[in-house]
Amino acid sequence: LFDLDHTLLNIDSDHAWGEFLISKQLVDESAHRSRNDQFYQDYVAGTLDAVAYNEFVFEFLSQHDMSYLQAIHAEFMQQVILPAMRLKGREAIARHQQLGHEVVMITAT
């Protein structure tokens, strides 16, 4: 089992998604960053309100059709996720695959 955020990636992918939306000017910078940062701080502190966080995330998602979201997701993967992948993580996955092990990536994201 491999965890995604801060294990295979050098980042928290949830928080990075919010920053990506800001960088693309797809959401209001001030309001979105403030809430995104607070939710991340709550997550780190173990006090995250998961329902409130999901409502925050789904607010953007619910305003767009699937083809648009798929295009934005692909861009996010190329620009943010792939560069954040840790080399040692890739090597560990490849090593386990070569040994015939089943590889599972897990995340709360």
PDB file of N, CA and C in Angstrom:
ATOM      1  N   LEU A   1       0.838  -1.182   0.000  1.00  0.00           N
ATOM      2  CA  LEU A   1       0.000   0.000   0.000  1.00  0.00           C
ATOM      3  C   LEU A   1       0.880   1.240   0.000  1.00  0.00           C
ATOM      4  N   PHE A   2       0.531   2.174  -0.847  1.00  0.00           N
ATOM      5  CA  PHE A   2       1.250   3.442  -0.910  1.00  0.00           C
ATOM      6  C   PHE A   2       0.256   4.575  -0.718  1.00  0.00           C
ATOM      7  N   ASP A   3       0.555   5.471   0.191  1.00  0.00           N
ATOM      8  CA  ASP A   3      -0.270   6.661   0.379  1.00  0.00           C
ATOM      9  C   ASP A   3       0.162   7.712  -0.633  1.00  0.00           C
ATOM     10  N   LEU A   4      -0.754   8.557  -1.024  1.00  0.00           N
ATOM     11  CA  LEU A   4      -0.476   9.543  -2.061  1.00  0.00           C
ATOM     12  C   LEU A   4       0.216  10.790  -1.498  1.00  0.00           C
ATOM     13  N   ASP A   5      -0.487  11.564  -0.699  1.00  0.00           N
ATOM     14  CA  ASP A   5       0.009  12.869  -0.258  1.00  0.00           C
ATOM     15  C   ASP A   5       1.139  12.744   0.760  1.00  0.00           C
ATOM     16  N   HIS A   6       2.217  13.427   0.496  1.00  0.00           N
ATOM     17  CA  HIS A   6       3.411  13.466   1.344  1.00  0.00           C
ATOM     18  C   HIS A   6       4.094  12.102   1.479  1.00  0.00           C
ATOM     19  N   THR A   7       3.750  11.182   0.593  1.00  0.00           N
ATOM     20  CA  THR A   7       4.446   9.899   0.517  1.00  0.00           C
ATOM     21  C   THR A   7       4.916   9.694  -0.916  1.00  0.00           C
ATOM     22  N   LEU A   8       3.984   9.493  -1.819  1.00  0.00           N
ATOM     23  CA  LEU A   8       4.348   9.410  -3.236  1.00  0.00           C
ATOM     24  C   LEU A   8       4.506  10.798  -3.847  1.00  0.00           C
ATOM     25  N   LEU A   9       3.808  11.766  -3.274  1.00  0.00           N
ATOM     26  CA  LEU A   9       3.887  13.158  -3.743  1.00  0.00           C
ATOM     27  C   LEU A   9       4.544  14.020  -2.681  1.00  0.00           C
ATOM     28  N   ASN A  10       5.179  15.092  -3.118  1.00  0.00           N
ATOM     29  CA  ASN A  10       5.782  16.058  -2.193  1.00  0.00           C
ATOM     30  C   ASN A  10       4.768  17.071  -1.687  1.00  0.00           C
ATOM     31  N   ILE A  11       3.526  16.912  -2.042  1.00  0.00           N
ATOM     32  CA  ILE A  11       2.500  17.911  -1.757  1.00  0.00           C
ATOM     33  C   ILE A  11       1.257  17.256  -1.179  1.00  0.00           C
ATOM     34  N   ASP A  12       0.341  18.092  -0.714  1.00  0.00           N
ATOM     35  CA  ASP A  12      -1.011  17.662  -0.399  1.00  0.00           C
ATOM     36  C   ASP A  12      -1.845  17.954  -1.639  1.00  0.00           C
ATOM     37  N   SER A  13      -2.332  16.931  -2.305  1.00  0.00           N
ATOM     38  CA  SER A  13      -3.002  17.126  -3.593  1.00  0.00           C
ATOM     39  C   SER A  13      -4.321  17.881  -3.468  1.00  0.00           C
ATOM     40  N   ASP A  14      -5.028  17.724  -2.360  1.00  0.00           N
ATOM     41  CA  ASP A  14      -6.261  18.499  -2.166  1.00  0.00           C
ATOM     42  C   ASP A  14      -5.957  19.991  -2.132  1.00  0.00           C
ATOM     43  N   HIS A  15      -5.017  20.369  -1.293  1.00  0.00           N
ATOM     44  CA  HIS A  15      -4.658  21.782  -1.176  1.00  0.00           C
ATOM     45  C   HIS A  15      -4.103  22.299  -2.497  1.00  0.00           C
ATOM     46  N   ALA A  16      -3.307  21.487  -3.166  1.00  0.00           N
ATOM     47  CA  ALA A  16      -2.724  21.885  -4.450  1.00  0.00           C
ATOM     48  C   ALA A  16      -3.801  22.111  -5.506  1.00  0.00           C
ATOM     49  N   TRP A  17      -4.880  21.329  -5.457  1.00  0.00           N
ATOM     50  CA  TRP A  17      -5.991  21.529  -6.398  1.00  0.00           C
ATOM     51  C   TRP A  17      -6.581  22.928  -6.223  1.00  0.00           C
ATOM     52  N   GLY A  18      -6.790  23.322  -4.988  1.00  0.00           N
ATOM     53  CA  GLY A  18      -7.311  24.670  -4.729  1.00  0.00           C
ATOM     54  C   GLY A  18      -6.379  25.746  -5.240  1.00  0.00           C
ATOM     55  N   GLU A  19      -5.088  25.566  -5.022  1.00  0.00           N
ATOM     56  CA  GLU A  19      -4.104  26.537  -5.514  1.00  0.00           C
ATOM     57  C   GLU A  19      -4.054  26.550  -7.040  1.00  0.00           C
ATOM     58  N   PHE A  20      -4.244  25.396  -7.650  1.00  0.00           N
ATOM     59  CA  PHE A  20      -4.286  25.305  -9.110  1.00  0.00           C
ATOM     60  C   PHE A  20      -5.469  26.103  -9.653  1.00  0.00           C
ATOM     61  N   LEU A  21      -6.637  25.942  -9.043  1.00  0.00           N
ATOM     62  CA  LEU A  21      -7.809  26.698  -9.486  1.00  0.00           C
ATOM     63  C   LEU A  21      -7.568  28.196  -9.371  1.00  0.00           C
ATOM     64  N   ILE A  22      -6.907  28.609  -8.306  1.00  0.00           N
ATOM     65  CA  ILE A  22      -6.569  30.026  -8.126  1.00  0.00           C
ATOM     66  C   ILE A  22      -5.610  30.474  -9.216  1.00  0.00           C
ATOM     67  N   SER A  23      -4.582  29.689  -9.477  1.00  0.00           N
ATOM     68  CA  SER A  23      -3.569  30.069 -10.470  1.00  0.00           C
ATOM     69  C   SER A  23      -4.160  30.202 -11.868  1.00  0.00           C
ATOM     70  N   LYS A  24      -5.218  29.455 -12.143  1.00  0.00           N
ATOM     71  CA  LYS A  24      -5.892  29.512 -13.447  1.00  0.00           C
ATOM     72  C   LYS A  24      -6.993  30.573 -13.466  1.00  0.00           C
ATOM     73  N   GLN A  25      -7.142  31.278 -12.346  1.00  0.00           N
ATOM     74  CA  GLN A  25      -8.173  32.314 -12.192  1.00  0.00           C
ATOM     75  C   GLN A  25      -9.576  31.751 -12.417  1.00  0.00           C
ATOM     76  N   LEU A  26      -9.793  30.546 -11.936  1.00  0.00           N
ATOM     77  CA  LEU A  26     -11.089  29.890 -12.075  1.00  0.00           C
ATOM     78  C   LEU A  26     -11.978  30.101 -10.858  1.00  0.00           C
ATOM     79  N   VAL A  27     -11.384  30.611  -9.789  1.00  0.00           N
ATOM     80  CA  VAL A  27     -12.108  30.925  -8.557  1.00  0.00           C
ATOM     81  C   VAL A  27     -11.576  32.251  -8.027  1.00  0.00           C
ATOM     82  N   ASP A  28     -12.336  32.859  -7.137  1.00  0.00           N
ATOM     83  CA  ASP A  28     -11.895  34.107  -6.513  1.00  0.00           C
ATOM     84  C   ASP A  28     -10.682  33.828  -5.621  1.00  0.00           C
ATOM     85  N   GLU A  29      -9.580  34.496  -5.916  1.00  0.00           N
ATOM     86  CA  GLU A  29      -8.321  34.198  -5.225  1.00  0.00           C
ATOM     87  C   GLU A  29      -8.413  34.363  -3.716  1.00  0.00           C
ATOM     88  N   SER A  30      -8.853  35.506  -3.270  1.00  0.00           N
ATOM     89  CA  SER A  30      -8.845  35.806  -1.841  1.00  0.00           C
ATOM     90  C   SER A  30      -9.756  34.861  -1.057  1.00  0.00           C
ATOM     91  N   ALA A  31     -10.983  34.744  -1.493  1.00  0.00           N
ATOM     92  CA  ALA A  31     -11.948  33.911  -0.768  1.00  0.00           C
ATOM     93  C   ALA A  31     -11.547  32.440  -0.811  1.00  0.00           C
ATOM     94  N   HIS A  32     -11.130  31.968  -1.966  1.00  0.00           N
ATOM     95  CA  HIS A  32     -10.804  30.547  -2.107  1.00  0.00           C
ATOM     96  C   HIS A  32      -9.540  30.189  -1.330  1.00  0.00           C
ATOM     97  N   ARG A  33      -8.522  31.020  -1.424  1.00  0.00           N
ATOM     98  CA  ARG A  33      -7.271  30.706  -0.719  1.00  0.00           C
ATOM     99  C   ARG A  33      -7.490  30.688   0.790  1.00  0.00           C
ATOM    100  N   SER A  34      -8.239  31.645   1.279  1.00  0.00           N
ATOM    101  CA  SER A  34      -8.494  31.706   2.716  1.00  0.00           C
ATOM    102  C   SER A  34      -9.163  30.424   3.213  1.00  0.00           C
ATOM    103  N   ARG A  35     -10.187  29.994   2.515  1.00  0.00           N
ATOM    104  CA  ARG A  35     -10.902  28.783   2.926  1.00  0.00           C
ATOM    105  C   ARG A  35     -10.053  27.535   2.698  1.00  0.00           C
ATOM    106  N   ASN A  36      -9.367  27.477   1.562  1.00  0.00           N
ATOM    107  CA  ASN A  36      -8.520  26.326   1.251  1.00  0.00           C
ATOM    108  C   ASN A  36      -7.433  26.157   2.311  1.00  0.00           C
ATOM    109  N   ASP A  37      -6.789  27.259   2.668  1.00  0.00           N
ATOM    110  CA  ASP A  37      -5.740  27.212   3.693  1.00  0.00           C
ATOM    111  C   ASP A  37      -6.304  26.795   5.048  1.00  0.00           C
ATOM    112  N   GLN A  38      -7.485  27.322   5.399  1.00  0.00           N
ATOM    113  CA  GLN A  38      -8.080  26.974   6.689  1.00  0.00           C
ATOM    114  C   GLN A  38      -8.457  25.496   6.743  1.00  0.00           C
ATOM    115  N   PHE A  39      -9.033  24.992   5.663  1.00  0.00           N
ATOM    116  CA  PHE A  39      -9.370  23.563   5.636  1.00  0.00           C
ATOM    117  C   PHE A  39      -8.108  22.713   5.764  1.00  0.00           C
ATOM    118  N   TYR A  40      -7.027  23.111   5.125  1.00  0.00           N
ATOM    119  CA  TYR A  40      -5.782  22.346   5.228  1.00  0.00           C
ATOM    120  C   TYR A  40      -5.246  22.382   6.664  1.00  0.00           C
ATOM    121  N   GLN A  41      -5.284  23.558   7.282  1.00  0.00           N
ATOM    122  CA  GLN A  41      -4.835  23.668   8.676  1.00  0.00           C
ATOM    123  C   GLN A  41      -5.693  22.793   9.592  1.00  0.00           C
ATOM    124  N   ASP A  42      -6.995  22.783   9.335  1.00  0.00           N
ATOM    125  CA  ASP A  42      -7.893  21.933  10.128  1.00  0.00           C
ATOM    126  C   ASP A  42      -7.558  20.453   9.925  1.00  0.00           C
ATOM    127  N   TYR A  43      -7.256  20.071   8.689  1.00  0.00           N
ATOM    128  CA  TYR A  43      -6.892  18.685   8.391  1.00  0.00           C
ATOM    129  C   TYR A  43      -5.634  18.287   9.166  1.00  0.00           C
ATOM    130  N   VAL A  44      -4.622  19.141   9.114  1.00  0.00           N
ATOM    131  CA  VAL A  44      -3.363  18.863   9.814  1.00  0.00           C
ATOM    132  C   VAL A  44      -3.601  18.746  11.321  1.00  0.00           C
ATOM    133  N   ALA A  45      -4.496  19.591  11.841  1.00  0.00           N
ATOM    134  CA  ALA A  45      -4.788  19.584  13.276  1.00  0.00           C
ATOM    135  C   ALA A  45      -5.722  18.443  13.687  1.00  0.00           C
ATOM    136  N   GLY A  46      -6.279  17.736  12.699  1.00  0.00           N
ATOM    137  CA  GLY A  46      -7.200  16.651  13.011  1.00  0.00           C
ATOM    138  C   GLY A  46      -8.605  17.120  13.333  1.00  0.00           C
ATOM    139  N   THR A  47      -8.943  18.339  12.917  1.00  0.00           N
ATOM    140  CA  THR A  47     -10.257  18.903  13.232  1.00  0.00           C
ATOM    141  C   THR A  47     -11.076  19.226  11.984  1.00  0.00           C
ATOM    142  N   LEU A  48     -10.708  18.657  10.854  1.00  0.00           N
ATOM    143  CA  LEU A  48     -11.393  18.963   9.601  1.00  0.00           C
ATOM    144  C   LEU A  48     -12.859  18.545   9.647  1.00  0.00           C
ATOM    145  N   ASP A  49     -13.730  19.456   9.262  1.00  0.00           N
ATOM    146  CA  ASP A  49     -15.150  19.155   9.072  1.00  0.00           C
ATOM    147  C   ASP A  49     -15.282  18.652   7.640  1.00  0.00           C
ATOM    148  N   ALA A  50     -15.339  17.333   7.474  1.00  0.00           N
ATOM    149  CA  ALA A  50     -15.318  16.730   6.139  1.00  0.00           C
ATOM    150  C   ALA A  50     -16.511  17.153   5.295  1.00  0.00           C
ATOM    151  N   VAL A  51     -17.670  17.319   5.901  1.00  0.00           N
ATOM    152  CA  VAL A  51     -18.855  17.738   5.144  1.00  0.00           C
ATOM    153  C   VAL A  51     -18.654  19.149   4.616  1.00  0.00           C
ATOM    154  N   ALA A  52     -18.199  20.054   5.460  1.00  0.00           N
ATOM    155  CA  ALA A  52     -17.966  21.435   5.024  1.00  0.00           C
ATOM    156  C   ALA A  52     -16.887  21.489   3.949  1.00  0.00           C
ATOM    157  N   TYR A  53     -15.850  20.676   4.113  1.00  0.00           N
ATOM    158  CA  TYR A  53     -14.788  20.662   3.110  1.00  0.00           C
ATOM    159  C   TYR A  53     -15.309  20.153   1.770  1.00  0.00           C
ATOM    160  N   ASN A  54     -16.070  19.070   1.794  1.00  0.00           N
ATOM    161  CA  ASN A  54     -16.621  18.538   0.545  1.00  0.00           C
ATOM    162  C   ASN A  54     -17.560  19.531  -0.122  1.00  0.00           C
ATOM    163  N   GLU A  55     -18.353  20.242   0.649  1.00  0.00           N
ATOM    164  CA  GLU A  55     -19.219  21.277   0.072  1.00  0.00           C
ATOM    165  C   GLU A  55     -18.382  22.353  -0.600  1.00  0.00           C
ATOM    166  N   PHE A  56     -17.279  22.733   0.010  1.00  0.00           N
ATOM    167  CA  PHE A  56     -16.357  23.723  -0.560  1.00  0.00           C
ATOM    168  C   PHE A  56     -15.796  23.232  -1.891  1.00  0.00           C
ATOM    169  N   VAL A  57     -15.318  22.009  -1.934  1.00  0.00           N
ATOM    170  CA  VAL A  57     -14.732  21.453  -3.160  1.00  0.00           C
ATOM    171  C   VAL A  57     -15.788  21.287  -4.247  1.00  0.00           C
ATOM    172  N   PHE A  58     -16.948  20.765  -3.867  1.00  0.00           N
ATOM    173  CA  PHE A  58     -17.989  20.490  -4.860  1.00  0.00           C
ATOM    174  C   PHE A  58     -18.622  21.754  -5.415  1.00  0.00           C
ATOM    175  N   GLU A  59     -18.443  22.868  -4.724  1.00  0.00           N
ATOM    176  CA  GLU A  59     -18.984  24.132  -5.236  1.00  0.00           C
ATOM    177  C   GLU A  59     -18.449  24.407  -6.641  1.00  0.00           C
ATOM    178  N   PHE A  60     -17.142  24.286  -6.838  1.00  0.00           N
ATOM    179  CA  PHE A  60     -16.554  24.494  -8.164  1.00  0.00           C
ATOM    180  C   PHE A  60     -16.964  23.376  -9.115  1.00  0.00           C
ATOM    181  N   LEU A  61     -16.851  22.142  -8.658  1.00  0.00           N
ATOM    182  CA  LEU A  61     -17.130  20.996  -9.525  1.00  0.00           C
ATOM    183  C   LEU A  61     -18.559  21.009 -10.057  1.00  0.00           C
ATOM    184  N   SER A  62     -19.497  21.404  -9.215  1.00  0.00           N
ATOM    185  CA  SER A  62     -20.913  21.358  -9.603  1.00  0.00           C
ATOM    186  C   SER A  62     -21.286  22.427 -10.624  1.00  0.00           C
ATOM    187  N   GLN A  63     -20.407  23.379 -10.849  1.00  0.00           N
ATOM    188  CA  GLN A  63     -20.700  24.473 -11.777  1.00  0.00           C
ATOM    189  C   GLN A  63     -20.226  24.186 -13.201  1.00  0.00           C
ATOM    190  N   HIS A  64     -19.628  23.014 -13.435  1.00  0.00           N
ATOM    191  CA  HIS A  64     -19.032  22.729 -14.739  1.00  0.00           C
ATOM    192  C   HIS A  64     -19.406  21.329 -15.208  1.00  0.00           C
ATOM    193  N   ASP A  65     -19.444  21.165 -16.535  1.00  0.00           N
ATOM    194  CA  ASP A  65     -19.777  19.848 -17.078  1.00  0.00           C
ATOM    195  C   ASP A  65     -18.547  18.937 -17.054  1.00  0.00           C
ATOM    196  N   MET A  66     -18.811  17.654 -17.245  1.00  0.00           N
ATOM    197  CA  MET A  66     -17.771  16.639 -17.098  1.00  0.00           C
ATOM    198  C   MET A  66     -16.625  16.827 -18.089  1.00  0.00           C
ATOM    199  N   SER A  67     -16.903  17.178 -19.326  1.00  0.00           N
ATOM    200  CA  SER A  67     -15.813  17.318 -20.302  1.00  0.00           C
ATOM    201  C   SER A  67     -14.867  18.448 -19.906  1.00  0.00           C
ATOM    202  N   TYR A  68     -15.412  19.543 -19.388  1.00  0.00           N
ATOM    203  CA  TYR A  68     -14.572  20.648 -18.915  1.00  0.00           C
ATOM    204  C   TYR A  68     -13.737  20.191 -17.719  1.00  0.00           C
ATOM    205  N   LEU A  69     -14.374  19.505 -16.781  1.00  0.00           N
ATOM    206  CA  LEU A  69     -13.659  19.040 -15.590  1.00  0.00           C
ATOM    207  C   LEU A  69     -12.561  18.040 -15.946  1.00  0.00           C
ATOM    208  N   GLN A  70     -12.818  17.188 -16.920  1.00  0.00           N
ATOM    209  CA  GLN A  70     -11.793  16.233 -17.346  1.00  0.00           C
ATOM    210  C   GLN A  70     -10.593  16.956 -17.949  1.00  0.00           C
ATOM    211  N   ALA A  71     -10.842  18.005 -18.707  1.00  0.00           N
ATOM    212  CA  ALA A  71      -9.745  18.780 -19.299  1.00  0.00           C
ATOM    213  C   ALA A  71      -8.931  19.488 -18.221  1.00  0.00           C
ATOM    214  N   ILE A  72      -9.617  20.080 -17.251  1.00  0.00           N
ATOM    215  CA  ILE A  72      -8.929  20.767 -16.145  1.00  0.00           C
ATOM    216  C   ILE A  72      -8.136  19.748 -15.318  1.00  0.00           C
ATOM    217  N   HIS A  73      -8.726  18.591 -15.084  1.00  0.00           N
ATOM    218  CA  HIS A  73      -8.046  17.538 -14.325  1.00  0.00           C
ATOM    219  C   HIS A  73      -6.770  17.096 -15.035  1.00  0.00           C
ATOM    220  N   ALA A  74      -6.846  16.900 -16.342  1.00  0.00           N
ATOM    221  CA  ALA A  74      -5.665  16.479 -17.108  1.00  0.00           C
ATOM    222  C   ALA A  74      -4.559  17.523 -17.010  1.00  0.00           C
ATOM    223  N   GLU A  75      -4.936  18.778 -17.077  1.00  0.00           N
ATOM    224  CA  GLU A  75      -3.954  19.861 -16.952  1.00  0.00           C
ATOM    225  C   GLU A  75      -3.330  19.860 -15.555  1.00  0.00           C
ATOM    226  N   PHE A  76      -4.152  19.679 -14.530  1.00  0.00           N
ATOM    227  CA  PHE A  76      -3.671  19.610 -13.148  1.00  0.00           C
ATOM    228  C   PHE A  76      -2.680  18.458 -12.978  1.00  0.00           C
ATOM    229  N   MET A  77      -3.007  17.310 -13.534  1.00  0.00           N
ATOM    230  CA  MET A  77      -2.114  16.159 -13.431  1.00  0.00           C
ATOM    231  C   MET A  77      -0.762  16.456 -14.080  1.00  0.00           C
ATOM    232  N   GLN A  78      -0.773  17.059 -15.256  1.00  0.00           N
ATOM    233  CA  GLN A  78       0.467  17.364 -15.976  1.00  0.00           C
ATOM    234  C   GLN A  78       1.280  18.454 -15.286  1.00  0.00           C
ATOM    235  N   GLN A  79       0.620  19.509 -14.858  1.00  0.00           N
ATOM    236  CA  GLN A  79       1.327  20.675 -14.326  1.00  0.00           C
ATOM    237  C   GLN A  79       1.684  20.565 -12.852  1.00  0.00           C
ATOM    238  N   VAL A  80       0.898  19.824 -12.086  1.00  0.00           N
ATOM    239  CA  VAL A  80       1.088  19.814 -10.629  1.00  0.00           C
ATOM    240  C   VAL A  80       1.469  18.425 -10.099  1.00  0.00           C
ATOM    241  N   ILE A  81       0.686  17.427 -10.423  1.00  0.00           N
ATOM    242  CA  ILE A  81       0.890  16.109  -9.817  1.00  0.00           C
ATOM    243  C   ILE A  81       2.152  15.420 -10.327  1.00  0.00           C
ATOM    244  N   LEU A  82       2.315  15.323 -11.622  1.00  0.00           N
ATOM    245  CA  LEU A  82       3.504  14.631 -12.152  1.00  0.00           C
ATOM    246  C   LEU A  82       4.811  15.252 -11.667  1.00  0.00           C
ATOM    247  N   PRO A  83       4.952  16.580 -11.672  1.00  0.00           N
ATOM    248  CA  PRO A  83       6.201  17.154 -11.155  1.00  0.00           C
ATOM    249  C   PRO A  83       6.402  16.935  -9.649  1.00  0.00           C
ATOM    250  N   ALA A  84       5.322  16.669  -8.922  1.00  0.00           N
ATOM    251  CA  ALA A  84       5.418  16.490  -7.470  1.00  0.00           C
ATOM    252  C   ALA A  84       5.682  15.044  -7.062  1.00  0.00           C
ATOM    253  N   MET A  85       5.724  14.139  -8.030  1.00  0.00           N
ATOM    254  CA  MET A  85       5.953  12.729  -7.701  1.00  0.00           C
ATOM    255  C   MET A  85       7.397  12.513  -7.250  1.00  0.00           C
ATOM    256  N   ARG A  86       7.547  11.823  -6.138  1.00  0.00           N
ATOM    257  CA  ARG A  86       8.876  11.545  -5.594  1.00  0.00           C
ATOM    258  C   ARG A  86       9.528  10.389  -6.345  1.00  0.00           C
ATOM    259  N   LEU A  87      10.783  10.576  -6.704  1.00  0.00           N
ATOM    260  CA  LEU A  87      11.525   9.549  -7.436  1.00  0.00           C
ATOM    261  C   LEU A  87      11.590   8.243  -6.646  1.00  0.00           C
ATOM    262  N   LYS A  88      11.853   8.327  -5.353  1.00  0.00           N
ATOM    263  CA  LYS A  88      11.943   7.104  -4.540  1.00  0.00           C
ATOM    264  C   LYS A  88      10.611   6.359  -4.507  1.00  0.00           C
ATOM    265  N   GLY A  89       9.523   7.107  -4.560  1.00  0.00           N
ATOM    266  CA  GLY A  89       8.206   6.472  -4.612  1.00  0.00           C
ATOM    267  C   GLY A  89       8.004   5.723  -5.912  1.00  0.00           C
ATOM    268  N   ARG A  90       8.365   6.367  -7.020  1.00  0.00           N
ATOM    269  CA  ARG A  90       8.263   5.698  -8.328  1.00  0.00           C
ATOM    270  C   ARG A  90       9.124   4.437  -8.353  1.00  0.00           C
ATOM    271  N   GLU A  91      10.329   4.556  -7.805  1.00  0.00           N
ATOM    272  CA  GLU A  91      11.241   3.406  -7.790  1.00  0.00           C
ATOM    273  C   GLU A  91      10.678   2.269  -6.943  1.00  0.00           C
ATOM    274  N   ALA A  92      10.096   2.596  -5.810  1.00  0.00           N
ATOM    275  CA  ALA A  92       9.529   1.562  -4.935  1.00  0.00           C
ATOM    276  C   ALA A  92       8.354   0.862  -5.614  1.00  0.00           C
ATOM    277  N   ILE A  93       7.508   1.628  -6.278  1.00  0.00           N
ATOM    278  CA  ILE A  93       6.382   1.028  -6.997  1.00  0.00           C
ATOM    279  C   ILE A  93       6.893   0.101  -8.096  1.00  0.00           C
ATOM    280  N   ALA A  94       7.846   0.578  -8.880  1.00  0.00           N
ATOM    281  CA  ALA A  94       8.401  -0.232  -9.976  1.00  0.00           C
ATOM    282  C   ALA A  94       9.026  -1.519  -9.439  1.00  0.00           C
ATOM    283  N   ARG A  95       9.736  -1.423  -8.319  1.00  0.00           N
ATOM    284  CA  ARG A  95      10.382  -2.596  -7.721  1.00  0.00           C
ATOM    285  C   ARG A  95       9.328  -3.637  -7.319  1.00  0.00           C
ATOM    286  N   HIS A  96       8.266  -3.194  -6.683  1.00  0.00           N
ATOM    287  CA  HIS A  96       7.209  -4.126  -6.270  1.00  0.00           C
ATOM    288  C   HIS A  96       6.490  -4.725  -7.481  1.00  0.00           C
ATOM    289  N   GLN A  97       6.281  -3.917  -8.508  1.00  0.00           N
ATOM    290  CA  GLN A  97       5.646  -4.445  -9.720  1.00  0.00           C
ATOM    291  C   GLN A  97       6.527  -5.506 -10.375  1.00  0.00           C
ATOM    292  N   GLN A  98       7.842  -5.259 -10.404  1.00  0.00           N
ATOM    293  CA  GLN A  98       8.771  -6.229 -10.993  1.00  0.00           C
ATOM    294  C   GLN A  98       8.770  -7.546 -10.220  1.00  0.00           C
ATOM    295  N   LEU A  99       8.507  -7.463  -8.929  1.00  0.00           N
ATOM    296  CA  LEU A  99       8.446  -8.668  -8.099  1.00  0.00           C
ATOM    297  C   LEU A  99       7.087  -9.361  -8.186  1.00  0.00           C
ATOM    298  N   GLY A 100       6.189  -8.789  -8.975  1.00  0.00           N
ATOM    299  CA  GLY A 100       4.872  -9.388  -9.151  1.00  0.00           C
ATOM    300  C   GLY A 100       3.880  -9.058  -8.056  1.00  0.00           C
ATOM    301  N   HIS A 101       4.223  -8.100  -7.205  1.00  0.00           N
ATOM    302  CA  HIS A 101       3.320  -7.709  -6.127  1.00  0.00           C
ATOM    303  C   HIS A 101       2.186  -6.843  -6.671  1.00  0.00           C
ATOM    304  N   GLU A 102       1.050  -6.931  -6.026  1.00  0.00           N
ATOM    305  CA  GLU A 102      -0.033  -6.012  -6.350  1.00  0.00           C
ATOM    306  C   GLU A 102       0.287  -4.691  -5.677  1.00  0.00           C
ATOM    307  N   VAL A 103       0.145  -3.616  -6.415  1.00  0.00           N
ATOM    308  CA  VAL A 103       0.438  -2.283  -5.898  1.00  0.00           C
ATOM    309  C   VAL A 103      -0.877  -1.527  -5.776  1.00  0.00           C
ATOM    310  N   VAL A 104      -1.115  -0.974  -4.594  1.00  0.00           N
ATOM    311  CA  VAL A 104      -2.337  -0.223  -4.340  1.00  0.00           C
ATOM    312  C   VAL A 104      -1.952   1.151  -3.819  1.00  0.00           C
ATOM    313  N   MET A 105      -2.514   2.177  -4.439  1.00  0.00           N
ATOM    314  CA  MET A 105      -2.323   3.539  -3.948  1.00  0.00           C
ATOM    315  C   MET A 105      -3.600   3.950  -3.239  1.00  0.00           C
ATOM    316  N   ILE A 106      -3.449   4.510  -2.045  1.00  0.00           N
ATOM    317  CA  ILE A 106      -4.603   4.934  -1.259  1.00  0.00           C
ATOM    318  C   ILE A 106      -4.479   6.413  -0.949  1.00  0.00           C
ATOM    319  N   THR A 107      -5.609   7.038  -0.727  1.00  0.00           N
ATOM    320  CA  THR A 107      -5.602   8.442  -0.342  1.00  0.00           C
ATOM    321  C   THR A 107      -6.964   8.822   0.217  1.00  0.00           C
ATOM    322  N   ALA A 108      -6.967   9.755   1.115  1.00  0.00           N
ATOM    323  CA  ALA A 108      -8.228  10.331   1.575  1.00  0.00           C
ATOM    324  C   ALA A 108      -8.715  11.367   0.569  1.00  0.00           C
ATOM    325  N   THR A 109      -7.818  11.762  -0.322  1.00  0.00           N
ATOM    326  CA  THR A 109      -8.163  12.746  -1.342  1.00  0.00           C
ATOM    327  C   THR A 109      -9.210  12.177  -2.262  1.00  0.00           C
TER     328      THR A 109
END
